[in-house]
C-alpha atoms as a PDB file:
ATOM      1  CA  MET A   1      -1.171  21.561  -9.422  1.00  0.00           C
ATOM      2  CA  LYS A   2      -3.098  18.836 -11.167  1.00  0.00           C
ATOM      3  CA  LYS A   3      -3.133  15.530  -9.298  1.00  0.00           C
ATOM      4  CA  LYS A   4      -2.049  12.460 -11.153  1.00  0.00           C
ATOM      5  CA  MET A   5      -1.996   8.746 -10.586  1.00  0.00           C
ATOM      6  CA  THR A   6       1.398   7.189 -11.036  1.00  0.00           C
ATOM      7  CA  THR A   7       1.605   3.566 -12.017  1.00  0.00           C
ATOM      8  CA  VAL A   8       4.774   1.543 -12.044  1.00  0.00           C
ATOM      9  CA  PRO A   9       5.100  -1.154 -14.693  1.00  0.00           C
ATOM     10  CA  PHE A  10       5.553  -4.603 -13.204  1.00  0.00           C
ATOM     11  CA  GLU A  11       9.112  -5.830 -13.553  1.00  0.00           C
ATOM     12  CA  GLY A  12       9.472  -9.128 -11.771  1.00  0.00           C
ATOM     13  CA  THR A  13      12.791 -10.962 -11.902  1.00  0.00           C
ATOM     14  CA  ALA A  14      13.483 -14.564 -12.815  1.00  0.00           C
ATOM     15  CA  GLU A  15      14.498 -15.155  -9.189  1.00  0.00           C
ATOM     16  CA  GLN A  16      11.175 -13.821  -7.937  1.00  0.00           C
ATOM     17  CA  LYS A  17       9.283 -15.999 -10.427  1.00  0.00           C
ATOM     18  CA  ALA A  18      11.224 -19.074  -9.301  1.00  0.00           C
ATOM     19  CA  ALA A  19      10.485 -18.243  -5.655  1.00  0.00           C
ATOM     20  CA  LEU A  20       6.775 -17.802  -6.423  1.00  0.00           C
ATOM     21  CA  ASP A  21       6.679 -21.102  -8.324  1.00  0.00           C
ATOM     22  CA  ALA A  22       8.275 -22.820  -5.307  1.00  0.00           C
ATOM     23  CA  VAL A  23       5.685 -21.297  -2.957  1.00  0.00           C
ATOM     24  CA  ILE A  24       2.808 -22.409  -5.193  1.00  0.00           C
ATOM     25  CA  ALA A  25       4.254 -25.915  -5.406  1.00  0.00           C
ATOM     26  CA  LYS A  26       4.681 -26.035  -1.615  1.00  0.00           C
ATOM     27  CA  TYR A  27       1.014 -25.237  -0.900  1.00  0.00           C
ATOM     28  CA  LYS A  28      -0.765 -26.320  -4.076  1.00  0.00           C
ATOM     29  CA  ASP A  29      -2.340 -29.476  -2.668  1.00  0.00           C
ATOM     30  CA  GLU A  30      -3.245 -28.043   0.745  1.00  0.00           C
ATOM     31  CA  ARG A  31      -6.715 -26.891   1.663  1.00  0.00           C
ATOM     32  CA  GLY A  32      -6.778 -23.097   2.118  1.00  0.00           C
ATOM     33  CA  ALA A  33      -3.586 -22.654   0.105  1.00  0.00           C
ATOM     34  CA  LEU A  34      -4.486 -19.260  -1.318  1.00  0.00           C
ATOM     35  CA  MET A  35      -3.874 -17.164   1.821  1.00  0.00           C
ATOM     36  CA  PRO A  36      -0.369 -18.442   2.616  1.00  0.00           C
ATOM     37  CA  ILE A  37       0.578 -18.226  -1.060  1.00  0.00           C
ATOM     38  CA  LEU A  38      -0.597 -14.619  -1.226  1.00  0.00           C
ATOM     39  CA  GLN A  39       1.271 -13.761   1.972  1.00  0.00           C
ATOM     40  CA  GLU A  40       4.509 -15.288   0.732  1.00  0.00           C
ATOM     41  CA  ALA A  41       4.064 -13.794  -2.733  1.00  0.00           C
ATOM     42  CA  GLN A  42       3.736 -10.352  -1.182  1.00  0.00           C
ATOM     43  CA  ASP A  43       6.927 -11.014   0.783  1.00  0.00           C
ATOM     44  CA  ILE A  44       8.657 -11.869  -2.508  1.00  0.00           C
ATOM     45  CA  TYR A  45       7.398  -8.919  -4.560  1.00  0.00           C
ATOM     46  CA  GLY A  46       6.476  -6.348  -1.905  1.00  0.00           C
ATOM     47  CA  TYR A  47       2.947  -6.155  -3.321  1.00  0.00           C
ATOM     48  CA  LEU A  48       0.555  -8.228  -5.449  1.00  0.00           C
ATOM     49  CA  PRO A  49       0.319  -6.860  -8.989  1.00  0.00           C
ATOM     50  CA  VAL A  50      -2.174  -8.419 -11.381  1.00  0.00           C
ATOM     51  CA  GLU A  51       0.621 -10.379 -13.088  1.00  0.00           C
ATOM     52  CA  VAL A  52       1.436 -12.146  -9.806  1.00  0.00           C
ATOM     53  CA  GLN A  53      -2.254 -12.774  -9.137  1.00  0.00           C
ATOM     54  CA  GLN A  54      -2.554 -14.360 -12.597  1.00  0.00           C
ATOM     55  CA  GLU A  55       0.419 -16.648 -11.893  1.00  0.00           C
ATOM     56  CA  ILE A  56      -1.124 -17.734  -8.595  1.00  0.00           C
ATOM     57  CA  ALA A  57      -4.511 -18.375 -10.205  1.00  0.00           C
ATOM     58  CA  ALA A  58      -2.911 -20.455 -12.952  1.00  0.00           C
ATOM     59  CA  GLY A  59      -0.815 -22.377 -10.421  1.00  0.00           C
ATOM     60  CA  LEU A  60      -3.868 -23.222  -8.324  1.00  0.00           C
ATOM     61  CA  ASP A  61      -6.189 -23.674 -11.312  1.00  0.00           C
ATOM     62  CA  ILE A  62      -8.676 -21.136  -9.964  1.00  0.00           C
ATOM     63  CA  PRO A  63     -10.152 -17.996 -11.560  1.00  0.00           C
ATOM     64  CA  VAL A  64      -8.149 -14.769 -11.274  1.00  0.00           C
ATOM     65  CA  SER A  65     -11.336 -13.192  -9.928  1.00  0.00           C
ATOM     66  CA  GLU A  66     -11.129 -15.465  -6.873  1.00  0.00           C
ATOM     67  CA  VAL A  67      -7.545 -14.384  -6.199  1.00  0.00           C
ATOM     68  CA  PHE A  68      -8.426 -10.720  -6.756  1.00  0.00           C
ATOM     69  CA  GLY A  69     -11.427 -11.032  -4.436  1.00  0.00           C
ATOM     70  CA  VAL A  70      -9.234 -12.247  -1.592  1.00  0.00           C
ATOM     71  CA  VAL A  71      -6.505  -9.660  -2.278  1.00  0.00           C
ATOM     72  CA  THR A  72      -8.994  -6.793  -2.231  1.00  0.00           C
ATOM     73  CA  PHE A  73     -10.921  -8.089   0.779  1.00  0.00           C
ATOM     74  CA  TYR A  74      -7.973  -8.208   3.193  1.00  0.00           C
ATOM     75  CA  SER A  75      -6.232  -4.932   3.991  1.00  0.00           C
ATOM     76  CA  GLN A  76      -2.895  -6.681   4.544  1.00  0.00           C
ATOM     77  CA  PHE A  77      -2.498  -7.148   0.799  1.00  0.00           C
ATOM     78  CA  LEU A  78      -1.139  -4.359  -1.377  1.00  0.00           C
ATOM     79  CA  LEU A  79      -2.111  -3.854  -5.011  1.00  0.00           C
ATOM     80  CA  ASN A  80       0.493  -1.160  -5.586  1.00  0.00           C
ATOM     81  CA  PRO A  81       4.118  -0.791  -4.573  1.00  0.00           C
ATOM     82  CA  LYS A  82       4.982   1.570  -1.753  1.00  0.00           C
ATOM     83  CA  GLY A  83       7.383   4.455  -2.072  1.00  0.00           C
ATOM     84  CA  ALA A  84      10.654   4.664  -0.172  1.00  0.00           C
ATOM     85  CA  ASN A  85       8.725   6.893   2.238  1.00  0.00           C
ATOM     86  CA  PRO A  86       5.163   5.582   2.590  1.00  0.00           C
ATOM     87  CA  VAL A  87       2.896   8.342   3.887  1.00  0.00           C
ATOM     88  CA  SER A  88      -0.320   7.252   5.608  1.00  0.00           C
ATOM     89  CA  ILE A  89      -2.965   9.551   6.973  1.00  0.00           C
ATOM     90  CA  CYS A  90      -5.392   8.173   9.517  1.00  0.00           C
ATOM     91  CA  LEU A  91      -8.966   8.818   8.465  1.00  0.00           C
ATOM     92  CA  GLY A  92     -10.485   7.114  11.482  1.00  0.00           C
ATOM     93  CA  THR A  93     -13.249   8.968  13.295  1.00  0.00           C
ATOM     94  CA  ALA A  94     -11.131  10.917  15.815  1.00  0.00           C
ATOM     95  CA  CYS A  95      -8.596  11.962  13.181  1.00  0.00           C
ATOM     96  CA  TYR A  96     -11.230  12.801  10.595  1.00  0.00           C
ATOM     97  CA  VAL A  97     -13.202  14.967  13.030  1.00  0.00           C
ATOM     98  CA  LYS A  98      -9.998  16.841  13.881  1.00  0.00           C
ATOM     99  CA  GLY A  99      -9.116  17.638  10.262  1.00  0.00           C
ATOM    100  CA  ALA A 100      -7.466  14.610   8.658  1.00  0.00           C
ATOM    101  CA  GLY A 101      -9.358  15.291   5.413  1.00  0.00           C
ATOM    102  CA  LYS A 102      -7.568  18.629   5.091  1.00  0.00           C
ATOM    103  CA  LEU A 103      -4.241  16.903   5.812  1.00  0.00           C
ATOM    104  CA  MET A 104      -4.932  14.487   2.960  1.00  0.00           C
ATOM    105  CA  GLU A 105      -5.711  17.350   0.578  1.00  0.00           C
ATOM    106  CA  LYS A 106      -2.494  19.152   1.553  1.00  0.00           C
ATOM    107  CA  CYS A 107      -0.390  15.977   1.141  1.00  0.00           C
ATOM    108  CA  GLU A 108      -1.905  15.348  -2.279  1.00  0.00           C
ATOM    109  CA  GLU A 109      -1.020  18.914  -3.231  1.00  0.00           C
ATOM    110  CA  LEU A 110       2.537  18.746  -1.844  1.00  0.00           C
ATOM    111  CA  LEU A 111       3.338  15.360  -3.375  1.00  0.00           C
ATOM    112  CA  GLY A 112       1.411  15.945  -6.608  1.00  0.00           C
ATOM    113  CA  ILE A 113      -0.363  12.603  -6.379  1.00  0.00           C
ATOM    114  CA  GLU A 114      -3.729  11.236  -5.331  1.00  0.00           C
ATOM    115  CA  CYS A 115      -4.296   9.008  -2.339  1.00  0.00           C
ATOM    116  CA  GLY A 116      -3.430   5.431  -3.280  1.00  0.00           C
ATOM    117  CA  SER A 117      -0.614   6.284  -5.660  1.00  0.00           C
ATOM    118  CA  LEU A 118       3.119   6.764  -5.890  1.00  0.00           C
ATOM    119  CA  THR A 119       5.321   9.683  -6.932  1.00  0.00           C
ATOM    120  CA  SER A 120       7.109   9.217 -10.253  1.00  0.00           C
ATOM    121  CA  ASP A 121      10.506   9.238  -8.497  1.00  0.00           C
ATOM    122  CA  LEU A 122       9.252   6.391  -6.228  1.00  0.00           C
ATOM    123  CA  LYS A 123      10.163   8.414  -3.110  1.00  0.00           C
ATOM    124  CA  PHE A 124       6.646   8.736  -1.715  1.00  0.00           C
ATOM    125  CA  SER A 125       3.409   6.802  -1.717  1.00  0.00           C
ATOM    126  CA  LEU A 126       0.258   8.207  -0.152  1.00  0.00           C
ATOM    127  CA  ASP A 127      -2.479   6.166   1.471  1.00  0.00           C
ATOM    128  CA  ALA A 128      -5.377   6.534   3.862  1.00  0.00           C
ATOM    129  CA  THR A 129      -5.542   4.254   6.840  1.00  0.00           C
ATOM    130  CA  ARG A 130      -8.067   3.636   9.547  1.00  0.00           C
ATOM    131  CA  CYS A 131      -7.431   4.001  13.269  1.00  0.00           C
ATOM    132  CA  ILE A 132      -3.817   3.399  14.235  1.00  0.00           C
ATOM    133  CA  GLY A 133      -4.536   3.678  17.953  1.00  0.00           C
ATOM    134  CA  ALA A 134      -3.170   7.178  18.446  1.00  0.00           C
ATOM    135  CA  CYS A 135      -6.519   8.943  18.840  1.00  0.00           C
ATOM    136  CA  GLY A 136      -5.152  11.225  21.556  1.00  0.00           C
ATOM    137  CA  LEU A 137      -2.767  12.670  18.956  1.00  0.00           C
ATOM    138  CA  ALA A 138      -5.430  13.205  16.277  1.00  0.00           C
ATOM    139  CA  PRO A 139      -5.044  13.971  13.467  1.00  0.00           C
ATOM    140  CA  VAL A 140      -2.165  11.586  12.802  1.00  0.00           C
ATOM    141  CA  LEU A 141       0.129  10.983   9.840  1.00  0.00           C
ATOM    142  CA  THR A 142       2.850   8.359   9.556  1.00  0.00           C
ATOM    143  CA  ILE A 143       5.839   8.287   7.259  1.00  0.00           C
ATOM    144  CA  GLY A 144       7.334   4.833   7.458  1.00  0.00           C
ATOM    145  CA  GLU A 145       7.600   4.120  11.189  1.00  0.00           C
ATOM    146  CA  ASP A 146       7.577   7.803  12.189  1.00  0.00           C
ATOM    147  CA  VAL A 147       4.352   9.115  13.735  1.00  0.00           C
ATOM    148  CA  TYR A 148       3.307  12.758  13.639  1.00  0.00           C
ATOM    149  CA  GLY A 149       0.331  13.947  15.642  1.00  0.00           C
ATOM    150  CA  ARG A 150      -1.757  17.014  16.430  1.00  0.00           C
ATOM    151  CA  LEU A 151      -1.096  18.237  12.913  1.00  0.00           C
ATOM    152  CA  GLU A 152      -2.232  21.244  10.958  1.00  0.00           C
ATOM    153  CA  PRO A 153      -1.896  21.317   7.154  1.00  0.00           C
ATOM    154  CA  SER A 154       0.611  24.171   7.470  1.00  0.00           C
ATOM    155  CA  MET A 155       3.021  21.798   9.265  1.00  0.00           C
ATOM    156  CA  LEU A 156       3.205  19.325   6.379  1.00  0.00           C
ATOM    157  CA  PRO A 157       5.756  21.060   4.094  1.00  0.00           C
ATOM    158  CA  ASP A 158       8.431  20.933   6.805  1.00  0.00           C
ATOM    159  CA  ILE A 159       7.654  17.296   7.628  1.00  0.00           C
ATOM    160  CA  ILE A 160       7.773  16.205   3.963  1.00  0.00           C
ATOM    161  CA  LYS A 161      11.083  18.075   3.417  1.00  0.00           C
ATOM    162  CA  LYS A 162      12.752  15.831   6.015  1.00  0.00           C
ATOM    163  CA  TYR A 163      12.250  12.856   3.690  1.00  0.00           C
ATOM    164  CA  GLN A 164      13.216  14.430   0.359  1.00  0.00           C
END
């Protein structure tokens, strides 16, 4: 199966835009306003698409590149929406040494997407993460809040089926 990247067109609502405008107005004149605005904007939209970054840059009268630089520097910010069932595979040292790379390959195959993207039905997103503090269970995969450890690629089809 060929892997594909799935992008979701941005479709913000008028209510979200009004909420973002209110957040920008609230912080606009404060020093260090960008971080709290980005945090609240992500709460409003669930992620920070380029359209939202452009609105923030315009509202603060700063270059979009400055906003993008902050968004891409901090791992708390998301550039893409998450699926209803966000799948994360730990690629930290302990997990990687115990086969997390093979888990990633199998997940990409099963879901038909590359790491960092979203299935076309919006049910699953797939991401790599760094250490989640479950090294004793390596390799580890999470789906939402559920943690699965000591995994083999052959176990993944049954785990994924639970969420379809």
